[in-house]
């Protein structure tokens, strides 16, 4: 009974993970508006209860990926102890360095250990075919809701059909959803902001692309089309680049299989048809929108025009300077913001309201983001911590490719999905510094279970 409950909560967590457009519970810190996390928390509690009664829980301590996670978590504590004197004197935005470490480490443990253990124990009870089709179906259901919301939002914001706004407002009655229109003419669907929508789409893109491989009906292209359209109208530069790259990787696998070569041609034709229809309805808007998207990808020219780009690259630059001063163990996990503020470059802070109102403002409690997980790790955990985390990324991709080469059917499709997903999310970490990337840890859990299941199958033979 308990197993069914935590399994159900696991799937609800996956369904609701993009839904963060609501006020949330402030006591949960980073997870306050993460509705999916609420179900995953509940799932872990029921897993703990089941473990108490059954005395059984799966902890893959012999797996290289799990070992990398544990080593990285241990090193984060070591960086705290090594830098304790400095950390104890850190104080910014009404928060001490020790308090900051506890909160940040707790958030890391939740994502990379607590949820990971839940994923592993749920997946252990499932066959490979179930993992592929059940998880994918849950993501499809969430995409359907996000697409309906995004379609209505696009009609209102992009094409100016305000008549649909009352219909869009009905989503206020949907769980964990509060309708807010983005001021810059970009859509965010069920997520709080366009960047969060982009993370969601990058996370599920591979799963949705895989319908082309497994379904025979013409509708198999719809999930892919939905992902591409939502990405486009979100206006996320990173989303556009990463998902386009993911699509290229998927196209490579399609092209290698003679059965699917024609799909690439059909996809191009389908795109042309959709674009033509959009031009017919509102050609001026579409042309303007495409032009703006192309211009937004010119990061070099936008560095002096875009405040967000100045902030992003300025904070990354500051993190590198902090790393140069503390190359081995960094300044301690969670301590980046205390040291970065003395290294912000003039070209980033000049005429930049974000630094004045948010990042340097001591009255504003929200800490400045690091905008890049890798530069954050260099600054906070030094070269050792960075290399430990890099080993986790390396072994995860290596494991995926090895399993892919030695499997067929559902197992092979699942590894293709994981490869596309991990590459996309690892690239996305170049512009976001949170470990709260649920699908990364889910993919690692799937890889761990695939290794055990394939090993067990080989032993049986």
Protein backbone atom coordinates (compact mmCIF):
# COMPACT_ATOMS: atom_id res chain seq x y z
CA UNK A 1 0.00 0.00 0.00
CA UNK A 2 2.76 2.45 0.98
CA UNK A 3 4.63 1.57 -2.21
CA UNK A 4 1.60 2.52 -4.34
CA UNK A 5 1.29 5.82 -2.49
CA UNK A 6 4.90 6.95 -2.91
CA UNK A 7 4.89 5.76 -6.52
CA UNK A 8 1.74 7.81 -7.20
CA UNK A 9 3.29 10.85 -5.51
CA UNK A 10 6.42 10.37 -7.64
CA UNK A 11 4.38 10.62 -10.84
CA UNK A 12 2.41 13.61 -9.52
CA UNK A 13 5.72 15.30 -8.75
CA UNK A 14 6.84 14.83 -12.34
CA UNK A 15 3.53 16.12 -13.68
CA UNK A 16 3.53 19.27 -11.57
CA UNK A 17 7.22 20.15 -11.69
CA UNK A 18 6.73 23.02 -14.23
CA UNK A 19 3.88 24.50 -12.17
CA UNK A 20 5.55 27.23 -10.11
CA UNK A 21 3.31 30.18 -10.97
CA UNK A 22 1.82 30.56 -7.49
CA UNK A 23 2.79 32.21 -4.23
CA UNK A 24 3.96 29.02 -2.53
CA UNK A 25 5.12 28.25 1.00
CA UNK A 26 7.90 30.61 2.09
CA UNK A 27 9.20 28.19 4.76
CA UNK A 28 10.40 25.87 1.99
CA UNK A 29 13.00 28.38 0.79
CA UNK A 30 14.14 27.59 -2.76
CA UNK A 31 11.31 25.09 -3.06
CA UNK A 32 8.56 27.44 -1.89
CA UNK A 33 6.78 27.66 -5.26
CA UNK A 34 7.88 24.28 -6.62
CA UNK A 35 4.60 22.38 -6.61
CA UNK A 36 6.22 19.21 -7.94
CA UNK A 37 8.58 19.18 -4.96
CA UNK A 38 5.62 18.98 -2.56
CA UNK A 39 4.61 15.61 -4.01
CA UNK A 40 8.21 14.39 -4.10
CA UNK A 41 8.65 15.37 -0.43
CA UNK A 42 5.51 13.41 0.37
CA UNK A 43 6.73 10.47 -1.70
CA UNK A 44 10.00 10.33 0.23
CA UNK A 45 8.16 10.39 3.57
CA UNK A 46 6.02 7.43 2.51
CA UNK A 47 9.16 5.68 1.24
CA UNK A 48 10.73 6.26 4.67
CA UNK A 49 7.63 4.80 6.36
CA UNK A 50 7.72 1.79 4.04
CA UNK A 51 11.41 1.33 4.83
CA UNK A 52 10.65 1.44 8.57
CA UNK A 53 8.13 -1.40 8.27
CA UNK A 54 9.82 -3.51 5.60
CA UNK A 55 13.42 -2.83 6.66
CA UNK A 56 14.29 -2.59 2.95
CA UNK A 57 15.49 0.33 0.85
CA UNK A 58 17.66 0.45 -2.25
CA UNK A 59 20.82 2.54 -1.92
CA UNK A 60 23.16 1.86 -4.89
CA UNK A 61 26.41 2.52 -3.05
CA UNK A 62 28.41 0.40 -5.56
CA UNK A 63 27.31 2.47 -8.56
CA UNK A 64 29.88 4.95 -9.90
CA UNK A 65 27.29 7.70 -10.44
CA UNK A 66 25.99 7.41 -6.88
CA UNK A 67 29.57 7.38 -5.55
CA UNK A 68 30.30 10.61 -7.45
CA UNK A 69 27.25 12.25 -5.87
CA UNK A 70 28.33 11.19 -2.36
CA UNK A 71 31.91 12.37 -2.90
CA UNK A 72 30.69 15.74 -4.13
CA UNK A 73 28.33 16.12 -1.15
CA UNK A 74 31.19 15.24 1.21
CA UNK A 75 33.52 17.76 -0.43
CA UNK A 76 30.92 20.52 0.01
CA UNK A 77 31.05 19.89 3.77
CA UNK A 78 34.86 19.91 3.69
CA UNK A 79 34.85 23.32 1.97
CA UNK A 80 32.65 24.57 4.81
CA UNK A 81 35.05 23.30 7.46
CA UNK A 82 38.16 24.56 5.66
CA UNK A 83 36.67 28.05 5.29
CA UNK A 84 34.84 28.14 8.63
CA UNK A 85 36.70 31.20 9.94
CA UNK A 86 35.73 33.26 6.89
CA UNK A 87 32.22 31.82 6.67
CA UNK A 88 31.47 32.63 10.31
CA UNK A 89 32.24 36.31 9.61
CA UNK A 90 30.25 36.51 6.38
CA UNK A 91 27.11 38.64 6.62
CA UNK A 92 24.96 40.06 3.83
CA UNK A 93 21.27 40.69 3.27
CA UNK A 94 20.45 39.88 6.92
CA UNK A 95 21.96 36.39 6.48
CA UNK A 96 25.08 34.90 8.08
CA UNK A 97 27.47 32.70 6.14
CA UNK A 98 26.69 29.69 8.34
CA UNK A 99 22.96 30.15 7.85
CA UNK A 100 23.50 30.47 4.11
CA UNK A 101 25.53 27.26 3.99
CA UNK A 102 22.89 25.30 5.90
CA UNK A 103 20.11 26.48 3.59
CA UNK A 104 22.06 25.90 0.39
CA UNK A 105 23.37 22.50 1.48
CA UNK A 106 19.89 21.43 2.54
CA UNK A 107 18.59 22.38 -0.93
CA UNK A 108 21.43 20.40 -2.52
CA UNK A 109 20.73 17.32 -0.36
CA UNK A 110 17.04 17.41 -1.28
CA UNK A 111 17.67 17.46 -5.02
CA UNK A 112 20.72 15.23 -5.30
CA UNK A 113 20.09 12.68 -2.53
CA UNK A 114 16.58 12.62 -1.04
CA UNK A 115 14.74 12.87 -4.36
CA UNK A 116 17.37 10.67 -6.04
CA UNK A 117 16.76 7.89 -3.51
CA UNK A 118 12.99 8.21 -4.10
CA UNK A 119 13.48 7.96 -7.87
CA UNK A 120 15.73 4.91 -7.57
CA UNK A 121 13.32 3.01 -5.31
CA UNK A 122 10.32 3.78 -7.50
CA UNK A 123 12.12 2.80 -10.71
CA UNK A 124 13.44 -0.42 -9.15
CA UNK A 125 9.88 -1.79 -9.13
CA UNK A 126 9.34 -1.02 -12.82
CA UNK A 127 10.36 -2.74 -16.03
CA UNK A 128 12.32 -0.74 -18.62
CA UNK A 129 9.27 -0.55 -20.87
CA UNK A 130 7.21 0.85 -17.98
CA UNK A 131 9.86 3.47 -17.19
CA UNK A 132 9.81 4.69 -20.78
CA UNK A 133 6.08 4.73 -21.42
CA UNK A 134 4.75 5.77 -17.99
CA UNK A 135 7.14 8.65 -17.38
CA UNK A 136 6.72 9.85 -20.95
CA UNK A 137 2.93 9.76 -20.67
CA UNK A 138 3.04 11.85 -17.48
CA UNK A 139 5.22 14.43 -19.24
CA UNK A 140 2.83 14.40 -22.21
CA UNK A 141 -0.15 15.13 -19.95
CA UNK A 142 1.70 18.06 -18.34
CA UNK A 143 2.68 19.31 -21.81
CA UNK A 144 -0.96 19.22 -22.95
CA UNK A 145 -1.95 21.49 -20.05
CA UNK A 146 1.07 23.76 -20.63
CA UNK A 147 0.26 23.92 -24.37
CA UNK A 148 -3.37 24.90 -23.84
CA UNK A 149 -2.29 27.61 -21.41
CA UNK A 150 0.54 28.70 -23.73
CA UNK A 151 -1.74 28.77 -26.80
CA UNK A 152 -4.23 31.07 -25.06
CA UNK A 153 -1.38 33.18 -23.69
CA UNK A 154 0.12 33.52 -27.18
CA UNK A 155 -3.21 34.63 -28.63
CA UNK A 156 -3.52 37.31 -25.93
CA UNK A 157 0.08 38.55 -25.69
CA UNK A 158 1.60 38.01 -29.13
CA UNK A 159 -1.39 38.40 -31.44
CA UNK A 160 -3.40 40.80 -29.27
CA UNK A 161 -6.64 38.79 -29.10
CA UNK A 162 -7.73 40.08 -25.67
CA UNK A 163 -11.08 38.38 -26.11
CA UNK A 164 -9.40 35.12 -24.98
CA UNK A 165 -8.12 36.59 -21.69
CA UNK A 166 -11.23 35.55 -19.68
CA UNK A 167 -10.72 31.99 -20.94
CA UNK A 168 -7.05 32.10 -19.93
CA UNK A 169 -8.08 33.33 -16.50
CA UNK A 170 -9.87 30.04 -15.88
CA UNK A 171 -6.42 28.60 -15.16
CA UNK A 172 -6.58 30.43 -11.83
CA UNK A 173 -8.74 27.49 -10.76
CA UNK A 174 -6.17 24.91 -11.85
CA UNK A 175 -3.98 23.58 -8.97
CA UNK A 176 -0.77 25.55 -8.36
CA UNK A 177 -1.54 28.06 -11.09
CA UNK A 178 -2.07 31.83 -10.98
CA UNK A 179 -2.41 33.64 -14.29
CA UNK A 180 0.17 36.38 -14.86
CA UNK A 181 1.06 37.91 -18.22
CA UNK A 182 4.72 38.61 -18.89
CA UNK A 183 5.28 42.34 -19.54
CA UNK A 184 7.68 41.88 -22.48
CA UNK A 185 5.32 39.97 -24.76
CA UNK A 186 6.80 36.57 -23.91
CA UNK A 187 4.86 33.58 -22.67
CA UNK A 188 5.64 31.55 -19.56
CA UNK A 189 2.66 29.14 -19.67
CA UNK A 190 2.23 27.35 -16.30
CA UNK A 191 5.66 28.51 -15.11
CA UNK A 192 6.49 31.71 -13.26
CA UNK A 193 8.79 33.17 -15.93
CA UNK A 194 9.87 32.28 -19.50
CA UNK A 195 13.28 30.92 -18.33
CA UNK A 196 11.50 28.41 -16.08
CA UNK A 197 9.30 27.36 -18.98
CA UNK A 198 12.47 26.87 -21.05
CA UNK A 199 13.96 24.58 -18.35
CA UNK A 200 10.78 22.51 -18.39
CA UNK A 201 10.80 22.22 -22.18
CA UNK A 202 14.52 21.31 -22.27
CA UNK A 203 13.79 18.65 -19.64
CA UNK A 204 11.00 16.95 -21.58
CA UNK A 205 12.12 17.60 -25.18
CA UNK A 206 13.85 14.23 -25.61
CA UNK A 207 10.86 12.41 -24.17
CA UNK A 208 8.51 14.16 -26.58
CA UNK A 209 10.81 13.65 -29.58
CA UNK A 210 10.77 9.90 -28.86
CA UNK A 211 7.11 9.64 -29.85
CA UNK A 212 8.36 9.84 -33.44
CA UNK A 213 10.30 6.61 -32.84
CA UNK A 214 7.58 4.58 -31.13
CA UNK A 215 4.21 5.72 -32.52
CA UNK A 216 2.74 5.01 -35.94
CA UNK A 217 -0.05 7.59 -35.95
CA UNK A 218 0.45 11.03 -37.57
CA UNK A 219 -0.17 12.59 -34.13
CA UNK A 220 3.29 11.43 -33.04
CA UNK A 221 4.70 14.72 -34.35
CA UNK A 222 2.39 16.89 -32.21
CA UNK A 223 4.40 16.68 -28.94
CA UNK A 224 7.54 17.82 -30.78
CA UNK A 225 5.67 20.64 -32.50
CA UNK A 226 4.21 21.75 -29.14
CA UNK A 227 7.68 21.87 -27.55
CA UNK A 228 9.10 23.91 -30.44
CA UNK A 229 6.23 26.40 -30.52
CA UNK A 230 6.26 26.95 -26.75
CA UNK A 231 10.02 27.45 -26.87
CA UNK A 232 9.75 29.96 -29.68
CA UNK A 233 7.05 32.09 -28.06
CA UNK A 234 8.73 31.93 -24.63
CA UNK A 235 11.44 34.15 -26.11
CA UNK A 236 14.11 32.33 -24.10
CA UNK A 237 17.44 32.66 -25.92
CA UNK A 238 18.89 29.70 -24.04
CA UNK A 239 15.77 27.64 -24.70
CA UNK A 240 15.93 28.35 -28.42
CA UNK A 241 19.61 27.39 -28.68
CA UNK A 242 19.50 24.32 -26.44
CA UNK A 243 16.32 22.76 -27.81
CA UNK A 244 17.49 23.37 -31.37
CA UNK A 245 20.71 21.53 -30.45
CA UNK A 246 18.71 18.71 -28.83
CA UNK A 247 16.66 18.44 -32.02
CA UNK A 248 19.87 18.18 -34.07
CA UNK A 249 21.08 15.30 -31.88
CA UNK A 250 17.73 13.56 -32.27
CA UNK A 251 17.80 14.15 -36.04
CA UNK A 252 21.19 12.46 -36.14
CA UNK A 253 19.68 9.30 -34.64
CA UNK A 254 16.75 9.52 -37.04
CA UNK A 255 19.01 9.89 -40.04
CA UNK A 256 21.07 6.86 -39.03
CA UNK A 257 17.94 4.73 -39.23
CA UNK A 258 16.75 4.29 -42.82
CA UNK A 259 13.14 3.99 -41.62
CA UNK A 260 13.12 7.57 -40.37
CA UNK A 261 15.07 9.52 -42.99
CA UNK A 262 11.84 10.70 -44.62
CA UNK A 263 10.70 12.13 -41.27
CA UNK A 264 13.31 14.86 -41.48
CA UNK A 265 11.88 15.93 -44.84
CA UNK A 266 8.34 15.77 -43.48
CA UNK A 267 9.37 17.81 -40.43
CA UNK A 268 10.75 20.56 -42.67
CA UNK A 269 7.57 20.55 -44.75
CA UNK A 270 5.43 20.67 -41.59
CA UNK A 271 7.41 23.60 -40.25
CA UNK A 272 6.96 25.43 -43.54
CA UNK A 273 3.19 24.83 -43.46
CA UNK A 274 2.85 26.09 -39.88
CA UNK A 275 4.96 29.15 -40.60
CA UNK A 276 2.87 29.91 -43.70
CA UNK A 277 -0.37 29.67 -41.70
CA UNK A 278 1.01 32.05 -39.09
CA UNK A 279 2.04 34.48 -41.80
CA UNK A 280 -1.44 34.32 -43.29
CA UNK A 281 -3.08 35.17 -39.96
CA UNK A 282 -0.75 37.93 -38.87
CA UNK A 283 2.28 38.27 -41.14
CA UNK A 284 3.60 41.53 -39.71
CA UNK A 285 3.60 40.21 -36.15
CA UNK A 286 5.31 36.98 -37.17
CA UNK A 287 8.07 38.69 -39.19
CA UNK A 288 8.70 41.15 -36.36
CA UNK A 289 8.79 38.30 -33.85
CA UNK A 290 11.28 36.26 -35.92
CA UNK A 291 13.51 39.32 -36.40
CA UNK A 292 13.52 40.00 -32.65
CA UNK A 293 14.42 36.37 -31.88
CA UNK A 294 17.36 36.45 -34.29
CA UNK A 295 18.62 39.73 -32.86
CA UNK A 296 18.29 38.40 -29.30
CA UNK A 297 20.77 35.61 -30.11
CA UNK A 298 23.53 38.18 -30.81
CA UNK A 299 25.02 38.09 -27.30
CA UNK A 300 28.05 40.22 -28.20
CA UNK A 301 26.03 43.23 -29.38
CA UNK A 302 23.39 42.75 -26.67
CA UNK A 303 26.00 42.85 -23.93
CA UNK A 304 25.93 46.64 -23.97
CA UNK A 305 22.18 46.86 -24.65
CA UNK A 306 20.71 44.15 -22.43
CA UNK A 307 20.74 44.66 -18.67
CA UNK A 308 20.16 40.95 -18.07
CA UNK A 309 23.22 40.06 -20.17
CA UNK A 310 25.36 42.59 -18.30
CA UNK A 311 24.24 41.12 -14.98
CA UNK A 312 24.71 37.52 -16.10
CA UNK A 313 28.21 37.90 -17.53
CA UNK A 314 29.24 40.36 -14.83
CA UNK A 315 28.39 37.92 -12.03
CA UNK A 316 30.08 35.04 -13.86
CA UNK A 317 33.20 37.21 -14.26
CA UNK A 318 33.14 37.97 -10.53
CA UNK A 319 32.90 34.24 -9.71
CA UNK A 320 35.99 33.53 -11.79
CA UNK A 321 37.90 36.23 -9.89
CA UNK A 322 36.86 34.66 -6.58
CA UNK A 323 38.06 31.27 -7.86
CA UNK A 324 41.47 32.72 -8.83
CA UNK A 325 41.93 33.91 -5.24
CA UNK A 326 40.80 30.55 -3.78
CA UNK A 327 41.68 27.91 -6.41
CA UNK A 328 41.77 24.68 -4.38
CA UNK A 329 38.83 24.62 -1.95
CA UNK A 330 36.99 27.79 -2.96
CA UNK A 331 35.34 30.07 -0.40
CA UNK A 332 32.90 27.47 0.90
CA UNK A 333 29.68 26.04 -0.46
CA UNK A 334 26.90 28.64 -0.61
CA UNK A 335 29.27 31.58 -0.02
CA UNK A 336 29.64 32.93 -3.56
CA UNK A 337 27.53 36.07 -3.11
CA UNK A 338 29.52 37.28 -0.08
CA UNK A 339 32.72 37.43 -2.12
CA UNK A 340 31.42 38.24 -5.60
CA UNK A 341 30.19 41.70 -4.59
CA UNK A 342 33.77 42.99 -4.34
CA UNK A 343 34.57 41.79 -7.85
CA UNK A 344 31.67 43.09 -9.94
CA UNK A 345 33.21 44.72 -13.08
CA UNK A 346 32.35 48.30 -13.93
CA UNK A 347 31.01 47.39 -17.38
CA UNK A 348 28.37 45.21 -15.68
CA UNK A 349 27.25 47.61 -12.94
CA UNK A 350 27.27 50.84 -14.98
CA UNK A 351 23.72 52.04 -15.62
CA UNK A 352 22.45 48.65 -14.42
CA UNK A 353 19.39 48.95 -12.16
CA UNK A 354 19.52 45.23 -11.21
CA UNK A 355 22.69 45.67 -9.16
CA UNK A 356 21.35 48.78 -7.44
CA UNK A 357 17.88 47.42 -6.66
CA UNK A 358 18.63 43.75 -6.07
CA UNK A 359 22.20 42.46 -6.02
CA UNK A 360 23.92 45.20 -3.96
CA UNK A 361 20.84 46.24 -2.00
CA UNK A 362 21.27 44.97 1.57
CA UNK A 363 17.56 45.47 2.30
CA UNK A 364 16.56 43.09 -0.50
CA UNK A 365 16.65 39.61 1.10
CA UNK A 366 16.95 37.68 -2.15
CA UNK A 367 20.55 36.73 -2.88
CA UNK A 368 21.97 37.48 -6.35
CA UNK A 369 21.98 34.42 -8.61
CA UNK A 370 25.26 32.98 -9.83
CA UNK A 371 23.90 32.59 -13.38
CA UNK A 372 26.26 29.67 -14.05
CA UNK A 373 26.56 26.50 -11.96
CA UNK A 374 30.08 25.78 -13.17
CA UNK A 375 31.55 29.19 -12.27
CA UNK A 376 29.65 28.99 -8.99
CA UNK A 377 31.28 25.64 -8.17
CA UNK A 378 34.72 27.00 -9.05
CA UNK A 379 34.20 29.92 -6.68
CA UNK A 380 32.58 27.96 -3.84
CA UNK A 381 34.20 24.50 -3.99
CA UNK A 382 37.40 25.22 -5.89
CA UNK A 383 38.99 23.08 -8.54
CA UNK A 384 38.52 19.89 -6.50
CA UNK A 385 34.76 20.36 -6.16
CA UNK A 386 34.43 21.34 -9.80
CA UNK A 387 36.32 18.23 -10.94
CA UNK A 388 34.22 15.95 -8.72
CA UNK A 389 31.04 17.38 -10.22
CA UNK A 390 32.54 17.19 -13.72
CA UNK A 391 33.26 13.48 -13.13
CA UNK A 392 29.56 12.97 -12.35
CA UNK A 393 28.63 14.60 -15.66
CA UNK A 394 31.30 12.67 -17.56
CA UNK A 395 30.38 9.25 -16.14
CA UNK A 396 26.67 9.89 -16.71
CA UNK A 397 27.21 10.59 -20.43
CA UNK A 398 29.71 7.74 -20.72
CA UNK A 399 27.29 5.33 -19.06
CA UNK A 400 24.49 6.45 -21.37
CA UNK A 401 26.54 5.86 -24.51
CA UNK A 402 27.80 2.44 -23.31
CA UNK A 403 24.28 1.22 -22.53
CA UNK A 404 22.99 2.67 -25.81
CA UNK A 405 25.55 0.70 -27.84
CA UNK A 406 24.67 -2.56 -26.12
CA UNK A 407 20.87 -2.44 -26.15
CA UNK A 408 17.93 -2.47 -28.53
CA UNK A 409 14.26 -1.49 -28.58
CA UNK A 410 12.91 0.30 -25.44
CA UNK A 411 16.29 0.28 -23.69
CA UNK A 412 17.98 2.00 -26.63
CA UNK A 413 15.19 4.57 -27.02
CA UNK A 414 15.38 5.32 -23.30
CA UNK A 415 19.13 5.96 -23.49
CA UNK A 416 18.65 8.23 -26.53
CA UNK A 417 16.14 10.24 -24.46
CA UNK A 418 18.54 10.41 -21.52
CA UNK A 419 21.45 11.51 -23.72
CA UNK A 420 19.40 14.30 -25.32
CA UNK A 421 18.02 15.38 -21.92
CA UNK A 422 21.32 15.38 -20.04
CA UNK A 423 23.21 17.25 -22.76
CA UNK A 424 20.46 19.88 -22.86
CA UNK A 425 20.34 20.36 -19.10
CA UNK A 426 24.13 20.34 -18.72
CA UNK A 427 24.32 23.12 -21.31
CA UNK A 428 21.52 24.96 -19.51
CA UNK A 429 23.65 24.96 -16.34
CA UNK A 430 25.85 27.49 -18.16
CA UNK A 431 23.20 30.13 -17.38
CA UNK A 432 21.59 28.92 -14.15
CA UNK A 433 23.24 27.98 -10.86
CA UNK A 434 20.64 25.85 -9.09
CA UNK A 435 20.80 22.10 -8.43
CA UNK A 436 17.01 22.10 -8.47
CA UNK A 437 16.93 20.38 -11.87
CA UNK A 438 14.64 17.45 -11.15
CA UNK A 439 15.04 15.66 -14.47
CA UNK A 440 18.85 15.56 -14.26
CA UNK A 441 18.61 13.49 -11.09
CA UNK A 442 15.77 11.44 -12.56
CA UNK A 443 17.95 10.58 -15.56
CA UNK A 444 20.80 9.57 -13.25
CA UNK A 445 18.39 7.32 -11.33
CA UNK A 446 17.23 5.73 -14.60
CA UNK A 447 20.85 5.09 -15.63
CA UNK A 448 21.58 3.47 -12.26
CA UNK A 449 18.56 1.21 -12.59
CA UNK A 450 19.26 0.40 -16.25
CA UNK A 451 22.73 -0.81 -15.29
CA UNK A 452 21.33 -3.11 -12.59
CA UNK A 453 18.46 -4.39 -14.74
CA UNK A 454 20.70 -5.16 -17.71
CA UNK A 455 23.25 -6.85 -15.45
CA UNK A 456 20.49 -8.98 -13.87
CA UNK A 457 19.17 -9.91 -17.32
CA UNK A 458 22.65 -10.92 -18.48
CA UNK A 459 23.11 -13.12 -15.39
CA UNK A 460 19.79 -14.84 -16.09
CA UNK A 461 20.94 -15.72 -19.59
